[in-house]
N, C-alpha and C. Protein backbone atom coordinates (compact mmCIF):
# COMPACT_ATOMS: atom_id res chain seq x y z
N MET A 1 -4.52 20.22 2.57
CA MET A 1 -5.83 19.62 2.62
C MET A 1 -5.75 18.11 2.40
N LEU A 2 -4.97 17.70 1.39
CA LEU A 2 -4.82 16.27 1.12
C LEU A 2 -4.11 15.57 2.26
N VAL A 3 -3.15 16.24 2.87
CA VAL A 3 -2.42 15.66 4.00
C VAL A 3 -3.38 15.39 5.16
N ILE A 4 -4.29 16.29 5.40
CA ILE A 4 -5.27 16.10 6.47
C ILE A 4 -6.16 14.90 6.15
N ALA A 5 -6.56 14.76 4.90
CA ALA A 5 -7.39 13.62 4.50
C ALA A 5 -6.64 12.31 4.69
N VAL A 6 -5.36 12.30 4.36
CA VAL A 6 -4.54 11.09 4.53
C VAL A 6 -4.41 10.74 6.01
N ILE A 7 -4.19 11.75 6.84
CA ILE A 7 -4.08 11.50 8.28
C ILE A 7 -5.39 10.97 8.84
N LEU A 8 -6.51 11.53 8.41
CA LEU A 8 -7.81 11.04 8.86
C LEU A 8 -8.05 9.61 8.41
N ALA A 9 -7.62 9.27 7.19
CA ALA A 9 -7.76 7.90 6.70
C ALA A 9 -6.92 6.95 7.53
N ALA A 10 -5.72 7.38 7.90
CA ALA A 10 -4.85 6.54 8.73
C ALA A 10 -5.49 6.30 10.10
N VAL A 11 -6.05 7.33 10.69
CA VAL A 11 -6.72 7.18 11.99
C VAL A 11 -7.91 6.25 11.86
N ALA A 12 -8.69 6.37 10.79
CA ALA A 12 -9.84 5.49 10.57
C ALA A 12 -9.40 4.04 10.42
N ALA A 13 -8.30 3.81 9.70
CA ALA A 13 -7.81 2.44 9.51
C ALA A 13 -7.36 1.84 10.84
N VAL A 14 -6.67 2.62 11.65
CA VAL A 14 -6.23 2.13 12.96
C VAL A 14 -7.44 1.84 13.84
N ALA A 15 -8.45 2.69 13.78
CA ALA A 15 -9.67 2.45 14.56
C ALA A 15 -10.37 1.18 14.11
N ALA A 16 -10.42 0.95 12.81
CA ALA A 16 -11.05 -0.27 12.29
C ALA A 16 -10.32 -1.51 12.77
N VAL A 17 -9.01 -1.45 12.78
CA VAL A 17 -8.21 -2.59 13.27
C VAL A 17 -8.48 -2.80 14.76
N ALA A 18 -8.53 -1.74 15.51
CA ALA A 18 -8.77 -1.85 16.95
C ALA A 18 -10.15 -2.44 17.24
N LEU A 19 -11.14 -2.09 16.44
CA LEU A 19 -12.50 -2.58 16.67
C LEU A 19 -12.68 -4.03 16.27
N THR A 20 -11.81 -4.55 15.41
CA THR A 20 -11.95 -5.92 14.92
C THR A 20 -10.91 -6.85 15.53
N THR A 21 -10.40 -6.52 16.70
CA THR A 21 -9.34 -7.30 17.32
C THR A 21 -9.75 -8.75 17.54
N GLY A 22 -10.99 -9.03 17.85
CA GLY A 22 -11.44 -10.39 18.10
C GLY A 22 -11.85 -11.15 16.86
N SER A 23 -11.70 -10.59 15.69
CA SER A 23 -12.14 -11.25 14.47
C SER A 23 -11.06 -12.20 13.95
N PRO A 24 -11.39 -13.01 12.95
CA PRO A 24 -10.43 -13.98 12.41
C PRO A 24 -9.15 -13.31 11.91
N ASP A 25 -8.09 -14.09 11.90
CA ASP A 25 -6.77 -13.58 11.53
C ASP A 25 -6.68 -13.21 10.06
N VAL A 26 -5.94 -12.15 9.80
CA VAL A 26 -5.57 -11.75 8.45
C VAL A 26 -4.18 -11.13 8.56
N SER A 27 -3.34 -11.41 7.59
CA SER A 27 -2.01 -10.82 7.58
C SER A 27 -1.62 -10.47 6.16
N ALA A 28 -0.69 -9.55 6.05
CA ALA A 28 -0.22 -9.11 4.73
C ALA A 28 1.30 -9.12 4.71
N LYS A 29 1.84 -9.35 3.53
CA LYS A 29 3.29 -9.33 3.33
C LYS A 29 3.58 -8.44 2.13
N ASP A 30 4.43 -7.43 2.33
CA ASP A 30 4.83 -6.56 1.23
C ASP A 30 5.74 -7.34 0.28
N VAL A 31 5.48 -7.20 -1.02
CA VAL A 31 6.25 -7.94 -2.03
C VAL A 31 7.05 -7.00 -2.92
N GLY A 32 6.46 -5.86 -3.31
CA GLY A 32 7.18 -4.95 -4.20
C GLY A 32 6.55 -3.57 -4.24
N PHE A 33 7.34 -2.65 -4.79
CA PHE A 33 6.91 -1.26 -4.92
C PHE A 33 7.57 -0.69 -6.17
N SER A 34 6.81 0.08 -6.94
CA SER A 34 7.41 0.76 -8.09
C SER A 34 6.67 2.06 -8.35
N LEU A 35 7.40 3.03 -8.90
CA LEU A 35 6.78 4.29 -9.30
C LEU A 35 6.25 4.10 -10.70
N ALA A 36 4.94 4.18 -10.85
CA ALA A 36 4.31 3.99 -12.16
C ALA A 36 4.47 5.24 -13.02
N SER A 37 4.35 6.41 -12.41
CA SER A 37 4.48 7.69 -13.10
C SER A 37 4.46 8.78 -12.03
N ASP A 38 4.59 10.03 -12.47
CA ASP A 38 4.44 11.13 -11.51
C ASP A 38 3.03 11.07 -10.94
N GLY A 39 2.95 11.04 -9.65
CA GLY A 39 1.64 11.03 -9.01
C GLY A 39 1.02 9.66 -8.86
N ARG A 40 1.74 8.59 -9.20
CA ARG A 40 1.18 7.25 -9.09
C ARG A 40 2.26 6.23 -8.76
N ALA A 41 1.94 5.33 -7.84
CA ALA A 41 2.85 4.25 -7.47
C ALA A 41 2.07 2.94 -7.47
N SER A 42 2.77 1.83 -7.67
CA SER A 42 2.17 0.50 -7.60
C SER A 42 2.75 -0.24 -6.42
N VAL A 43 1.89 -0.91 -5.67
CA VAL A 43 2.30 -1.68 -4.51
C VAL A 43 1.84 -3.12 -4.71
N ASP A 44 2.77 -4.07 -4.60
CA ASP A 44 2.47 -5.50 -4.69
C ASP A 44 2.52 -6.09 -3.28
N PHE A 45 1.53 -6.93 -2.95
CA PHE A 45 1.48 -7.53 -1.62
C PHE A 45 0.70 -8.83 -1.65
N GLU A 46 0.88 -9.64 -0.63
CA GLU A 46 0.14 -10.89 -0.46
C GLU A 46 -0.71 -10.78 0.80
N VAL A 47 -1.90 -11.38 0.73
CA VAL A 47 -2.80 -11.38 1.88
C VAL A 47 -3.12 -12.83 2.23
N SER A 48 -2.98 -13.17 3.51
CA SER A 48 -3.33 -14.50 4.02
C SER A 48 -4.52 -14.35 4.95
N LYS A 49 -5.58 -15.11 4.65
CA LYS A 49 -6.81 -15.04 5.43
C LYS A 49 -7.62 -16.29 5.15
N ASP A 50 -8.68 -16.49 5.90
CA ASP A 50 -9.64 -17.53 5.58
C ASP A 50 -10.20 -17.21 4.20
N ARG A 51 -10.20 -18.16 3.29
CA ARG A 51 -10.58 -17.86 1.91
C ARG A 51 -12.04 -17.44 1.77
N ALA A 52 -12.88 -17.73 2.74
CA ALA A 52 -14.28 -17.33 2.67
C ALA A 52 -14.50 -15.91 3.19
N ALA A 53 -13.51 -15.35 3.85
CA ALA A 53 -13.66 -14.04 4.48
C ALA A 53 -13.37 -12.91 3.49
N THR A 54 -13.89 -11.74 3.80
CA THR A 54 -13.56 -10.51 3.07
C THR A 54 -12.70 -9.65 3.98
N ALA A 55 -11.58 -9.17 3.43
CA ALA A 55 -10.67 -8.33 4.20
C ALA A 55 -10.52 -6.98 3.51
N GLN A 56 -10.08 -6.01 4.26
CA GLN A 56 -9.67 -4.73 3.71
C GLN A 56 -8.26 -4.45 4.19
N CYS A 57 -7.45 -3.87 3.30
CA CYS A 57 -6.07 -3.53 3.64
C CYS A 57 -5.82 -2.07 3.30
N ALA A 58 -5.18 -1.37 4.22
CA ALA A 58 -4.78 0.01 4.00
C ALA A 58 -3.37 -0.01 3.41
N VAL A 59 -3.25 0.46 2.17
CA VAL A 59 -1.98 0.47 1.46
C VAL A 59 -1.47 1.91 1.45
N GLN A 60 -0.19 2.08 1.78
CA GLN A 60 0.38 3.41 1.89
C GLN A 60 1.62 3.56 1.02
N VAL A 61 1.91 4.81 0.66
CA VAL A 61 3.14 5.18 -0.01
C VAL A 61 3.78 6.27 0.84
N LEU A 62 5.09 6.14 1.07
CA LEU A 62 5.81 7.08 1.92
C LEU A 62 6.89 7.81 1.14
N SER A 63 7.19 9.03 1.58
CA SER A 63 8.28 9.83 1.00
C SER A 63 9.59 9.42 1.66
N GLU A 64 10.68 10.02 1.21
CA GLU A 64 11.99 9.67 1.78
C GLU A 64 12.12 10.05 3.25
N ASN A 65 11.31 10.98 3.73
CA ASN A 65 11.33 11.30 5.16
C ASN A 65 10.17 10.64 5.91
N TYR A 66 9.63 9.57 5.32
CA TYR A 66 8.59 8.72 5.91
C TYR A 66 7.25 9.42 6.13
N ALA A 67 6.98 10.45 5.37
CA ALA A 67 5.66 11.10 5.43
C ALA A 67 4.72 10.37 4.47
N PHE A 68 3.44 10.30 4.83
CA PHE A 68 2.44 9.70 3.94
C PHE A 68 2.26 10.60 2.73
N VAL A 69 2.41 10.03 1.53
CA VAL A 69 2.15 10.80 0.31
C VAL A 69 1.05 10.14 -0.52
N GLY A 70 0.58 8.98 -0.09
CA GLY A 70 -0.51 8.29 -0.77
C GLY A 70 -1.10 7.23 0.14
N TRP A 71 -2.41 6.98 -0.01
CA TRP A 71 -3.13 6.05 0.87
C TRP A 71 -4.33 5.52 0.12
N LYS A 72 -4.60 4.23 0.27
CA LYS A 72 -5.76 3.63 -0.39
C LYS A 72 -6.19 2.40 0.40
N VAL A 73 -7.49 2.21 0.57
CA VAL A 73 -8.02 1.01 1.21
C VAL A 73 -8.50 0.07 0.10
N VAL A 74 -7.99 -1.16 0.14
CA VAL A 74 -8.28 -2.16 -0.89
C VAL A 74 -9.11 -3.27 -0.26
N THR A 75 -10.19 -3.69 -0.93
CA THR A 75 -11.02 -4.79 -0.45
C THR A 75 -10.61 -6.08 -1.15
N ILE A 76 -10.36 -7.12 -0.35
CA ILE A 76 -9.98 -8.44 -0.84
C ILE A 76 -11.14 -9.37 -0.51
N GLY A 77 -11.89 -9.76 -1.53
CA GLY A 77 -13.07 -10.59 -1.31
C GLY A 77 -12.75 -12.06 -1.12
N PRO A 78 -13.78 -12.87 -0.93
CA PRO A 78 -13.59 -14.32 -0.82
C PRO A 78 -12.96 -14.87 -2.10
N ASN A 79 -12.26 -15.98 -1.97
CA ASN A 79 -11.64 -16.60 -3.14
C ASN A 79 -11.79 -18.11 -3.04
N SER A 80 -11.60 -18.77 -4.19
CA SER A 80 -11.75 -20.22 -4.23
C SER A 80 -10.45 -20.91 -3.84
N ALA A 81 -10.53 -22.21 -3.63
CA ALA A 81 -9.36 -23.00 -3.25
C ALA A 81 -8.31 -23.01 -4.34
N GLU A 82 -8.69 -22.74 -5.59
CA GLU A 82 -7.75 -22.73 -6.70
C GLU A 82 -7.00 -21.40 -6.83
N ASP A 83 -7.45 -20.37 -6.15
CA ASP A 83 -6.81 -19.06 -6.22
C ASP A 83 -5.57 -19.02 -5.32
N GLY A 84 -4.49 -18.46 -5.83
CA GLY A 84 -3.30 -18.24 -5.02
C GLY A 84 -2.66 -19.51 -4.50
N ALA A 85 -2.11 -19.40 -3.32
CA ALA A 85 -1.40 -20.51 -2.67
C ALA A 85 -2.14 -20.93 -1.41
N ASN A 86 -1.67 -22.01 -0.79
CA ASN A 86 -2.22 -22.44 0.49
C ASN A 86 -3.72 -22.73 0.39
N SER A 87 -4.13 -23.42 -0.68
CA SER A 87 -5.54 -23.75 -0.93
C SER A 87 -6.43 -22.52 -0.92
N GLY A 88 -5.94 -21.43 -1.48
CA GLY A 88 -6.72 -20.19 -1.55
C GLY A 88 -6.57 -19.30 -0.34
N GLY A 89 -5.77 -19.69 0.63
CA GLY A 89 -5.60 -18.90 1.84
C GLY A 89 -4.68 -17.70 1.68
N THR A 90 -3.81 -17.73 0.65
CA THR A 90 -2.89 -16.62 0.39
C THR A 90 -3.00 -16.21 -1.07
N THR A 91 -3.29 -14.94 -1.30
CA THR A 91 -3.43 -14.44 -2.66
C THR A 91 -2.55 -13.21 -2.87
N ALA A 92 -2.10 -13.03 -4.12
CA ALA A 92 -1.25 -11.89 -4.48
C ALA A 92 -2.09 -10.78 -5.07
N HIS A 93 -1.70 -9.54 -4.77
CA HIS A 93 -2.46 -8.37 -5.23
C HIS A 93 -1.52 -7.25 -5.63
N ARG A 94 -1.96 -6.43 -6.57
CA ARG A 94 -1.25 -5.21 -6.97
C ARG A 94 -2.29 -4.10 -7.00
N THR A 95 -1.93 -2.95 -6.42
CA THR A 95 -2.83 -1.81 -6.47
C THR A 95 -2.03 -0.56 -6.80
N ASP A 96 -2.67 0.32 -7.55
CA ASP A 96 -2.09 1.62 -7.85
C ASP A 96 -2.58 2.61 -6.81
N VAL A 97 -1.65 3.44 -6.33
CA VAL A 97 -1.97 4.44 -5.31
C VAL A 97 -1.60 5.81 -5.87
N ARG A 98 -2.54 6.73 -5.83
CA ARG A 98 -2.27 8.10 -6.25
C ARG A 98 -1.46 8.79 -5.17
N THR A 99 -0.44 9.54 -5.58
CA THR A 99 0.41 10.23 -4.60
C THR A 99 0.39 11.73 -4.86
N ASP A 100 0.64 12.49 -3.80
CA ASP A 100 0.69 13.95 -3.95
C ASP A 100 2.12 14.48 -3.91
N ALA A 101 3.11 13.59 -3.78
CA ALA A 101 4.53 13.93 -3.81
C ALA A 101 5.27 12.64 -4.16
N PRO A 102 6.54 12.74 -4.56
CA PRO A 102 7.28 11.52 -4.91
C PRO A 102 7.37 10.55 -3.73
N GLY A 103 7.12 9.29 -4.01
CA GLY A 103 7.23 8.25 -3.00
C GLY A 103 8.49 7.43 -3.21
N VAL A 104 9.02 6.87 -2.12
CA VAL A 104 10.21 6.04 -2.22
C VAL A 104 9.97 4.61 -1.73
N THR A 105 8.86 4.39 -1.06
CA THR A 105 8.52 3.06 -0.59
C THR A 105 7.01 2.97 -0.40
N GLY A 106 6.51 1.76 -0.42
CA GLY A 106 5.08 1.55 -0.21
C GLY A 106 4.82 0.15 0.30
N GLY A 107 3.69 -0.02 0.95
CA GLY A 107 3.33 -1.33 1.46
C GLY A 107 2.02 -1.28 2.20
N VAL A 108 1.69 -2.39 2.83
CA VAL A 108 0.44 -2.50 3.58
C VAL A 108 0.68 -1.99 5.00
N ASN A 109 -0.16 -1.06 5.43
CA ASN A 109 -0.08 -0.53 6.79
C ASN A 109 -0.80 -1.47 7.75
N ALA A 110 -1.99 -1.95 7.37
CA ALA A 110 -2.78 -2.83 8.23
C ALA A 110 -3.86 -3.50 7.40
N CYS A 111 -4.31 -4.67 7.84
CA CYS A 111 -5.45 -5.37 7.23
C CYS A 111 -6.40 -5.79 8.34
N TRP A 112 -7.68 -5.92 7.99
CA TRP A 112 -8.68 -6.35 8.94
C TRP A 112 -9.77 -7.09 8.18
N ILE A 113 -10.48 -7.95 8.91
CA ILE A 113 -11.61 -8.70 8.33
C ILE A 113 -12.85 -7.83 8.41
N VAL A 114 -13.60 -7.79 7.32
CA VAL A 114 -14.85 -7.04 7.25
C VAL A 114 -15.97 -7.96 7.73
N GLU A 115 -16.61 -7.57 8.79
CA GLU A 115 -17.73 -8.35 9.33
C GLU A 115 -18.98 -8.05 8.52
N GLU A 116 -19.60 -9.10 8.03
CA GLU A 116 -20.81 -8.89 7.20
C GLU A 116 -22.04 -9.39 7.88
């Protein structure tokens, strides 16, 4: 049941990216991954975007055979010029992702700008 929910979330994230193809640029860079505990992993990443924009990023955790074992959509709101690097254009983030099996890697699958 959880696997089906994860697959549906992945399809929704890909659809969101496809629908926002003409929107302003956003990119993500994976920085780190750690197992916080059984059933939980932490993913560190950086997001580069227009500092006034709001973005969402789909963060995933994968098993050793590259199956999805955890998925979470994170919202990155507007930030000031003093936040992060590049005059606020690049910010660092950490998120915890609940997993249903042991994960061996994690990172950002995709990011998109939220049109308001």
